[in-house]
């Protein structure tokens, strides 16, 4: 499932049973309101139930960080 505004991708949700990441949610910069507008969030849950989290900055293309529990 994807969400876009004026042909710009703002969020995606992917569920796949036969891959390492069972569920992946990606919220791109521009979707969140107010101060968080320049922030994107990436969350995934792998096939062992381990979550992963990542943040991106819209003003600094290609820069972000992630964490695996």
N, C-alpha and C. Protein backbone atom coordinates (compact mmCIF):
# COMPACT_ATOMS: atom_id res chain seq x y z
N UNK A 1 0.85 -1.16 0.00
CA UNK A 1 0.00 0.00 0.00
C UNK A 1 0.90 1.23 0.00
N UNK A 2 0.55 2.23 -0.77
CA UNK A 2 1.32 3.46 -0.84
C UNK A 2 0.39 4.66 -0.69
N UNK A 3 0.94 5.77 -0.22
CA UNK A 3 0.20 7.02 -0.11
C UNK A 3 1.02 8.09 -0.80
N UNK A 4 0.37 8.81 -1.73
CA UNK A 4 1.09 9.87 -2.42
C UNK A 4 0.22 11.12 -2.49
N UNK A 5 0.89 12.25 -2.70
CA UNK A 5 0.21 13.53 -2.89
C UNK A 5 0.85 14.19 -4.10
N UNK A 6 0.07 14.50 -5.10
CA UNK A 6 0.56 15.11 -6.33
C UNK A 6 1.70 14.30 -6.95
N UNK A 7 1.54 12.99 -6.99
CA UNK A 7 2.52 12.06 -7.55
C UNK A 7 3.85 12.03 -6.81
N UNK A 8 3.87 12.46 -5.55
CA UNK A 8 5.06 12.37 -4.70
C UNK A 8 4.77 11.34 -3.61
N UNK A 9 5.58 10.29 -3.54
CA UNK A 9 5.40 9.23 -2.57
C UNK A 9 5.67 9.76 -1.17
N UNK A 10 4.71 9.59 -0.25
CA UNK A 10 4.84 10.09 1.11
C UNK A 10 4.90 8.97 2.15
N UNK A 11 4.34 7.80 1.84
CA UNK A 11 4.37 6.69 2.79
C UNK A 11 4.14 5.38 2.04
N UNK A 12 4.72 4.32 2.60
CA UNK A 12 4.47 2.99 2.04
C UNK A 12 4.42 1.97 3.17
N UNK A 13 3.59 0.97 2.98
CA UNK A 13 3.47 -0.14 3.93
C UNK A 13 3.57 -1.41 3.11
N UNK A 14 4.55 -2.25 3.45
CA UNK A 14 4.78 -3.49 2.71
C UNK A 14 4.73 -4.65 3.68
N UNK A 15 3.94 -5.65 3.33
CA UNK A 15 3.86 -6.88 4.11
C UNK A 15 4.20 -8.02 3.17
N UNK A 16 5.20 -8.81 3.55
CA UNK A 16 5.63 -9.92 2.70
C UNK A 16 5.99 -11.11 3.59
N UNK A 17 5.41 -12.26 3.33
CA UNK A 17 5.64 -13.44 4.17
C UNK A 17 6.93 -14.16 3.83
N UNK A 18 7.41 -14.07 2.63
CA UNK A 18 8.56 -14.86 2.20
C UNK A 18 9.86 -14.07 2.15
N UNK A 19 9.96 -13.02 2.93
CA UNK A 19 11.19 -12.22 2.97
C UNK A 19 11.66 -12.07 4.40
N UNK A 20 12.83 -11.53 4.58
CA UNK A 20 13.38 -11.32 5.92
C UNK A 20 12.58 -10.29 6.71
N UNK A 21 12.16 -9.20 6.07
CA UNK A 21 11.33 -8.18 6.72
C UNK A 21 9.86 -8.49 6.46
N UNK A 22 9.16 -8.89 7.50
CA UNK A 22 7.75 -9.23 7.33
C UNK A 22 6.89 -8.00 7.08
N UNK A 23 7.14 -6.94 7.82
CA UNK A 23 6.37 -5.70 7.69
C UNK A 23 7.35 -4.54 7.65
N UNK A 24 7.16 -3.64 6.70
CA UNK A 24 7.99 -2.44 6.59
C UNK A 24 7.08 -1.23 6.37
N UNK A 25 7.24 -0.22 7.23
CA UNK A 25 6.53 1.04 7.09
C UNK A 25 7.56 2.13 6.85
N UNK A 26 7.37 2.90 5.81
CA UNK A 26 8.28 3.99 5.46
C UNK A 26 7.46 5.26 5.31
N UNK A 27 7.72 6.24 6.18
CA UNK A 27 7.07 7.55 6.11
C UNK A 27 8.13 8.54 5.68
N UNK A 28 7.96 9.09 4.49
CA UNK A 28 8.96 9.98 3.91
C UNK A 28 8.83 11.39 4.47
N UNK A 29 9.93 12.17 4.45
CA UNK A 29 9.84 13.57 4.86
C UNK A 29 8.77 14.30 4.04
N UNK A 30 7.99 15.13 4.73
CA UNK A 30 6.93 15.87 4.08
C UNK A 30 5.55 15.43 4.51
N UNK A 31 5.42 14.25 5.11
CA UNK A 31 4.10 13.77 5.53
C UNK A 31 3.76 14.20 6.96
N UNK A 32 4.72 14.15 7.85
CA UNK A 32 4.46 14.51 9.24
C UNK A 32 4.25 16.02 9.36
N UNK A 33 3.44 16.46 10.32
CA UNK A 33 3.11 17.89 10.42
C UNK A 33 4.16 18.70 11.19
N UNK A 34 4.07 20.01 11.05
CA UNK A 34 4.79 21.02 11.83
C UNK A 34 6.30 20.80 11.87
N UNK A 35 6.86 20.73 13.06
CA UNK A 35 8.31 20.63 13.26
C UNK A 35 8.88 19.35 12.64
N UNK A 36 8.11 18.28 12.66
CA UNK A 36 8.57 16.99 12.15
C UNK A 36 8.45 16.88 10.63
N UNK A 37 8.07 17.93 9.94
CA UNK A 37 7.84 17.88 8.50
C UNK A 37 9.07 17.44 7.70
N UNK A 38 10.26 17.77 8.17
CA UNK A 38 11.49 17.41 7.47
C UNK A 38 12.06 16.07 7.91
N UNK A 39 11.29 15.29 8.68
CA UNK A 39 11.76 14.01 9.21
C UNK A 39 11.00 12.87 8.55
N UNK A 40 11.72 11.80 8.24
CA UNK A 40 11.12 10.58 7.75
C UNK A 40 11.41 9.45 8.73
N UNK A 41 10.54 8.45 8.75
CA UNK A 41 10.68 7.33 9.69
C UNK A 41 10.55 6.03 8.92
N UNK A 42 11.41 5.08 9.26
CA UNK A 42 11.37 3.74 8.66
C UNK A 42 11.32 2.72 9.78
N UNK A 43 10.33 1.85 9.76
CA UNK A 43 10.17 0.82 10.79
C UNK A 43 9.95 -0.51 10.08
N UNK A 44 10.68 -1.53 10.53
CA UNK A 44 10.51 -2.87 9.96
C UNK A 44 10.53 -3.90 11.09
N UNK A 45 9.82 -4.99 10.88
CA UNK A 45 9.84 -6.12 11.80
C UNK A 45 10.27 -7.33 10.99
N UNK A 46 11.36 -7.99 11.45
CA UNK A 46 11.87 -9.12 10.68
C UNK A 46 11.14 -10.42 11.03
N UNK A 47 11.56 -11.50 10.41
CA UNK A 47 10.88 -12.79 10.57
C UNK A 47 11.06 -13.40 11.96
N UNK A 48 11.89 -12.81 12.82
CA UNK A 48 12.05 -13.26 14.20
C UNK A 48 11.37 -12.32 15.18
N UNK A 49 10.62 -11.33 14.67
CA UNK A 49 9.93 -10.37 15.52
C UNK A 49 10.81 -9.23 16.00
N UNK A 50 12.02 -9.11 15.49
CA UNK A 50 12.95 -8.05 15.88
C UNK A 50 12.60 -6.76 15.14
N UNK A 51 12.35 -5.67 15.85
CA UNK A 51 12.07 -4.40 15.17
C UNK A 51 13.35 -3.68 14.77
N UNK A 52 13.26 -2.89 13.73
CA UNK A 52 14.34 -2.00 13.28
C UNK A 52 13.72 -0.64 13.05
N UNK A 53 14.46 0.40 13.38
CA UNK A 53 13.96 1.76 13.27
C UNK A 53 15.00 2.64 12.61
N UNK A 54 14.55 3.50 11.73
CA UNK A 54 15.46 4.44 11.09
C UNK A 54 14.81 5.80 10.95
N UNK A 55 15.62 6.84 10.98
CA UNK A 55 15.16 8.22 10.80
C UNK A 55 15.96 8.84 9.67
N UNK A 56 15.31 9.69 8.89
CA UNK A 56 15.99 10.41 7.81
C UNK A 56 15.66 11.89 7.92
N UNK A 57 16.53 12.70 7.37
CA UNK A 57 16.32 14.15 7.36
C UNK A 57 16.07 14.59 5.93
N UNK A 58 14.97 15.29 5.70
CA UNK A 58 14.62 15.73 4.37
C UNK A 58 15.54 16.80 3.82
N UNK A 59 16.09 17.64 4.67
CA UNK A 59 16.97 18.72 4.21
C UNK A 59 18.38 18.23 3.87
N UNK A 60 18.75 17.06 4.38
CA UNK A 60 20.08 16.51 4.11
C UNK A 60 19.88 15.21 3.35
N UNK A 61 19.86 15.28 2.03
CA UNK A 61 19.55 14.12 1.20
C UNK A 61 20.50 12.96 1.47
N UNK A 62 19.92 11.79 1.71
CA UNK A 62 20.71 10.59 1.88
C UNK A 62 21.31 10.39 3.25
N UNK A 63 20.99 11.24 4.22
CA UNK A 63 21.55 11.11 5.56
C UNK A 63 20.47 10.60 6.52
N UNK A 64 20.82 9.61 7.30
CA UNK A 64 19.89 9.07 8.28
C UNK A 64 20.62 8.15 9.20
N UNK A 65 19.91 7.59 10.17
CA UNK A 65 20.50 6.60 11.06
C UNK A 65 19.45 5.56 11.41
N UNK A 66 19.92 4.41 11.84
CA UNK A 66 19.02 3.33 12.16
C UNK A 66 19.44 2.59 13.41
N UNK A 67 18.55 1.78 13.95
CA UNK A 67 18.83 1.00 15.14
C UNK A 67 18.15 -0.36 15.01
N UNK A 68 18.84 -1.40 15.37
CA UNK A 68 18.29 -2.76 15.38
C UNK A 68 18.29 -3.24 16.82
N UNK A 69 17.14 -3.74 17.29
CA UNK A 69 17.07 -4.29 18.64
C UNK A 69 17.51 -5.71 18.65
